[in-house]
Amino acid sequence: MIGCLCIHGFTGAPYEVEPLAEHLMKVHPEWEFRIPTLPGHGEMLALKGVAFREWIEHAEEEYSVLAQRCDTIYVIGFSMGGMIASYIAANHKVDKLVLLSAAAYYLNPRQLALEIKDIARDLVHGNLAENELFLRYKQKIVQTPLTAALQFRRLVSYVRPQLELISVPTLIAQGEMDGLVPPKSAEYLYKTIPAKQKKLTYIKGSSHHICHCQEKEALFSEVEAFLQEMPEMSLST
């Protein structure tokens, strides 16, 4: 049996990866999926006092559930979840790894400035209450303590040296319009992960939440093809 572990990002929840997971479930109803909510995350954040190791340990527990039932395991990680997925692939038996907007680096100043400009325009025109980006990040900013942001940074620093241990086939997908994770993050992952079979792909028009972008169907098709069969590759597209 094939098991698939999908890990959301910092201050996020399963909804960040659910569109992709739901697509794969329809194509492969025989697969077993685990889409956990990391400690302190979910609709109402409770991140105060939560250490980054707790996020990793929780993901490892979910991996262990799959490992007991499945012969083949795929791990998919979004943003911070991509770094956690990388840790699991470096330290456990994983057959394929998918990294979506993985946060080896964070904050893309140029694109973030464009998104702030859009928020400012809606503010001037009285449409701020309808700006989805503003509403999403307003809630997160209010509910996210500084200590949690520091734990996120520590997690990234902790996982980076272990990227060189990843040998499984790896697909790295990056949104071209991502305002939080810059393209250099995907490029760094591609160069650092020594897997013989790896691919870096950019999704046009996609912002950070790559599983919710307008081009998500193209992304889903690429992930599906990668998981079904991956020939020898070391390409950038």
Protein backbone atom coordinates (compact mmCIF):
# COMPACT_ATOMS: atom_id res chain seq x y z
CA MET A 1 0.00 0.00 0.00
CA ILE A 2 1.06 3.59 -0.64
CA GLY A 3 0.87 6.17 2.13
CA CYS A 4 1.02 9.92 1.60
CA LEU A 5 1.87 12.42 4.35
CA CYS A 6 0.95 16.06 3.63
CA ILE A 7 2.33 18.78 5.93
CA HIS A 8 1.05 22.37 6.07
CA GLY A 9 3.04 25.54 6.73
CA PHE A 10 3.80 27.92 9.59
CA THR A 11 0.65 29.46 11.15
CA GLY A 12 -1.34 27.39 8.66
CA ALA A 13 -3.57 24.34 8.74
CA PRO A 14 -4.42 21.33 6.56
CA TYR A 15 -6.45 23.57 4.20
CA GLU A 16 -3.14 24.74 2.70
CA VAL A 17 -2.46 21.32 1.18
CA GLU A 18 -5.97 19.87 1.04
CA PRO A 19 -6.70 20.80 -2.62
CA LEU A 20 -3.72 18.73 -3.75
CA ALA A 21 -4.52 15.92 -1.31
CA GLU A 22 -8.15 15.81 -2.49
CA HIS A 23 -6.98 15.63 -6.10
CA LEU A 24 -4.70 12.69 -5.31
CA MET A 25 -7.43 10.98 -3.29
CA LYS A 26 -9.74 11.03 -6.31
CA VAL A 27 -7.06 9.58 -8.57
CA HIS A 28 -5.79 7.09 -5.99
CA PRO A 29 -8.59 6.19 -3.55
CA GLU A 30 -6.56 3.15 -2.51
CA TRP A 31 -3.79 5.30 -1.00
CA GLU A 32 -3.77 6.17 2.70
CA PHE A 33 -3.41 9.86 3.55
CA ARG A 34 -2.36 11.66 6.71
CA ILE A 35 -2.87 15.44 6.80
CA PRO A 36 -2.08 16.46 10.38
CA THR A 37 -2.50 19.78 12.15
CA LEU A 38 0.82 20.70 13.73
CA PRO A 39 0.87 21.67 17.45
CA GLY A 40 -0.40 25.20 18.03
CA HIS A 41 -1.76 25.50 14.49
CA GLY A 42 -5.24 25.30 13.01
CA GLU A 43 -8.10 27.76 12.66
CA MET A 44 -7.31 29.29 16.05
CA LEU A 45 -3.57 29.58 16.61
CA ALA A 46 -2.10 28.71 20.02
CA LEU A 47 1.61 28.93 19.30
CA LYS A 48 2.83 30.45 22.55
CA GLY A 49 5.29 28.10 24.24
CA VAL A 50 5.39 25.60 21.34
CA ALA A 51 8.92 24.58 20.30
CA PHE A 52 9.88 23.73 16.72
CA ARG A 53 10.87 20.21 17.73
CA GLU A 54 7.24 19.57 18.64
CA TRP A 55 6.25 20.28 15.03
CA ILE A 56 8.86 17.85 13.76
CA GLU A 57 7.98 15.18 16.33
CA HIS A 58 4.28 15.40 15.51
CA ALA A 59 5.01 14.96 11.80
CA GLU A 60 7.25 11.99 12.65
CA GLU A 61 4.41 10.41 14.63
CA GLU A 62 2.13 10.74 11.62
CA TYR A 63 4.85 9.26 9.43
CA SER A 64 5.15 6.31 11.84
CA VAL A 65 1.44 5.57 11.47
CA LEU A 66 1.89 5.31 7.71
CA ALA A 67 5.14 3.34 8.03
CA GLN A 68 3.34 0.66 10.04
CA ARG A 69 0.69 0.20 7.36
CA CYS A 70 2.33 1.11 4.05
CA ASP A 71 5.22 -0.27 2.03
CA THR A 72 5.70 2.94 0.06
CA ILE A 73 5.57 6.43 1.55
CA TYR A 74 5.40 9.80 -0.19
CA VAL A 75 5.87 13.01 1.79
CA ILE A 76 4.54 16.37 0.60
CA GLY A 77 5.37 19.57 2.45
CA PHE A 78 4.21 23.16 1.95
CA SER A 79 6.28 26.17 3.08
CA MET A 80 7.59 25.36 6.60
CA GLY A 81 6.02 21.96 6.08
CA GLY A 82 8.44 21.53 3.20
CA MET A 83 11.35 21.84 5.59
CA ILE A 84 9.74 19.33 7.96
CA ALA A 85 9.14 17.00 5.02
CA SER A 86 12.81 17.38 4.09
CA TYR A 87 13.82 16.42 7.62
CA ILE A 88 11.68 13.29 7.45
CA ALA A 89 13.13 12.33 4.06
CA ALA A 90 16.64 12.81 5.43
CA ASN A 91 16.07 10.69 8.53
CA HIS A 92 13.45 8.08 7.62
CA LYS A 93 12.54 5.76 4.78
CA VAL A 94 10.72 7.87 2.23
CA ASP A 95 10.19 6.90 -1.41
CA LYS A 96 9.42 10.30 -2.94
CA LEU A 97 9.49 13.88 -1.68
CA VAL A 98 7.46 16.86 -2.90
CA LEU A 99 8.39 20.37 -1.74
CA LEU A 100 5.85 23.14 -2.37
CA SER A 101 7.00 26.73 -1.77
CA ALA A 102 9.40 25.23 0.76
CA ALA A 103 10.81 27.87 3.11
CA ALA A 104 14.57 27.33 3.08
CA TYR A 105 14.55 31.12 2.70
CA TYR A 106 11.65 33.45 3.42
CA LEU A 107 10.32 36.86 2.42
CA ASN A 108 10.54 37.91 -1.21
CA PRO A 109 10.80 41.72 -0.80
CA ARG A 110 9.92 42.61 -4.41
CA GLN A 111 6.78 40.49 -4.63
CA LEU A 112 5.75 41.30 -1.06
CA ALA A 113 5.92 45.01 -1.96
CA LEU A 114 3.49 44.39 -4.84
CA GLU A 115 1.07 42.59 -2.53
CA ILE A 116 1.27 45.42 0.02
CA LYS A 117 0.57 47.84 -2.84
CA ASP A 118 -2.60 45.90 -3.68
CA ILE A 119 -3.68 46.06 -0.04
CA ALA A 120 -3.02 49.82 0.03
CA ARG A 121 -5.08 50.30 -3.14
CA ASP A 122 -8.02 48.43 -1.63
CA LEU A 123 -7.65 50.53 1.51
CA VAL A 124 -7.92 53.75 -0.51
CA HIS A 125 -10.96 52.47 -2.39
CA GLY A 126 -12.67 51.16 0.72
CA ASN A 127 -12.40 47.51 -0.33
CA LEU A 128 -10.03 46.32 2.37
CA ALA A 129 -12.69 44.11 3.96
CA GLU A 130 -12.80 42.13 0.71
CA ASN A 131 -9.03 41.72 0.36
CA GLU A 132 -8.42 38.03 1.09
CA LEU A 133 -4.66 38.49 1.50
CA PHE A 134 -5.14 41.24 4.10
CA LEU A 135 -7.73 39.27 6.05
CA ARG A 136 -5.55 36.16 6.10
CA TYR A 137 -2.40 37.87 7.29
CA LYS A 138 -4.15 40.26 9.67
CA GLN A 139 -5.42 37.28 11.64
CA LYS A 140 -2.05 35.56 11.58
CA ILE A 141 -0.15 38.66 12.68
CA VAL A 142 -2.49 39.17 15.62
CA GLN A 143 -2.34 35.53 16.74
CA THR A 144 1.36 34.82 16.15
CA PRO A 145 3.74 35.61 19.04
CA LEU A 146 7.31 36.65 18.28
CA THR A 147 8.58 33.53 20.04
CA ALA A 148 6.77 31.36 17.47
CA ALA A 149 8.42 33.22 14.60
CA LEU A 150 11.78 32.58 16.25
CA GLN A 151 10.94 28.88 16.52
CA PHE A 152 10.19 28.85 12.80
CA ARG A 153 13.61 30.36 12.06
CA ARG A 154 15.26 27.81 14.34
CA LEU A 155 13.51 24.99 12.52
CA VAL A 156 14.83 26.21 9.17
CA SER A 157 18.37 26.50 10.58
CA TYR A 158 18.08 23.03 12.10
CA VAL A 159 16.91 21.34 8.90
CA ARG A 160 19.18 23.05 6.35
CA PRO A 161 22.34 21.01 7.16
CA GLN A 162 20.32 17.80 6.76
CA LEU A 163 19.25 18.55 3.20
CA GLU A 164 22.48 16.96 2.02
CA LEU A 165 21.24 13.61 3.38
CA ILE A 166 18.25 13.45 1.02
CA SER A 167 18.70 10.86 -1.70
CA VAL A 168 15.10 10.09 -2.69
CA PRO A 169 13.46 11.43 -5.89
CA THR A 170 12.44 15.01 -5.19
CA LEU A 171 10.07 17.44 -6.89
CA ILE A 172 10.45 21.13 -5.98
CA ALA A 173 7.63 23.48 -7.02
CA GLN A 174 7.81 27.25 -6.58
CA GLY A 175 5.28 29.97 -7.38
CA GLU A 176 6.69 32.73 -9.56
CA MET A 177 4.65 35.37 -7.69
CA ASP A 178 5.41 34.14 -4.16
CA GLY A 179 5.73 37.10 -1.79
CA LEU A 180 6.86 35.10 1.23
CA VAL A 181 9.30 32.52 -0.12
CA PRO A 182 11.69 33.85 -2.79
CA PRO A 183 12.81 31.86 -5.86
CA LYS A 184 16.27 31.50 -4.35
CA SER A 185 14.75 29.15 -1.78
CA ALA A 186 13.74 26.65 -4.48
CA GLU A 187 17.07 27.12 -6.23
CA TYR A 188 18.94 26.49 -2.98
CA LEU A 189 16.97 23.31 -2.34
CA TYR A 190 17.61 22.08 -5.87
CA LYS A 191 21.35 22.69 -5.61
CA THR A 192 21.74 21.36 -2.06
CA ILE A 193 19.66 18.17 -2.20
CA PRO A 194 21.99 15.57 -3.74
CA ALA A 195 19.27 13.23 -5.04
CA LYS A 196 20.05 11.88 -8.49
CA GLN A 197 16.42 12.23 -9.49
CA LYS A 198 15.15 15.74 -8.85
CA LYS A 199 13.19 18.40 -10.65
CA LEU A 200 12.57 22.12 -10.08
CA THR A 201 9.44 23.60 -11.62
CA TYR A 202 7.98 27.11 -11.46
CA ILE A 203 4.23 27.71 -11.45
CA LYS A 204 3.33 30.84 -13.41
CA GLY A 205 1.10 33.34 -11.65
CA SER A 206 1.19 31.46 -8.37
CA SER A 207 1.58 33.29 -5.08
CA HIS A 208 2.69 31.59 -1.86
CA HIS A 209 -0.38 29.39 -1.40
CA ILE A 210 0.50 27.31 -4.41
CA CYS A 211 -2.23 24.70 -3.88
CA HIS A 212 -4.86 27.44 -4.17
CA CYS A 213 -3.46 29.33 -7.18
CA GLN A 214 -5.17 29.70 -10.57
CA GLU A 215 -2.68 27.29 -12.12
CA LYS A 216 -3.20 24.66 -9.41
CA GLU A 217 -4.46 22.04 -11.87
CA ALA A 218 -1.15 22.19 -13.74
CA LEU A 219 0.66 21.76 -10.43
CA PHE A 220 -1.54 18.85 -9.40
CA SER A 221 -0.95 17.10 -12.72
CA GLU A 222 2.79 17.50 -12.35
CA VAL A 223 2.78 16.16 -8.80
CA GLU A 224 0.57 13.25 -9.83
CA ALA A 225 2.88 12.35 -12.74
CA PHE A 226 5.91 12.59 -10.47
CA LEU A 227 4.40 10.27 -7.88
CA GLN A 228 3.18 7.75 -10.42
CA GLU A 229 6.41 7.38 -12.32
CA MET A 230 9.60 9.39 -12.29
CA PRO A 231 12.32 8.74 -14.87
CA GLU A 232 15.93 9.65 -14.26
CA MET A 233 16.00 13.42 -14.24
CA SER A 234 17.99 16.36 -13.00
CA LEU A 235 16.20 19.20 -14.70
CA SER A 236 14.99 22.74 -14.11
CA THR A 237 11.88 23.99 -15.90
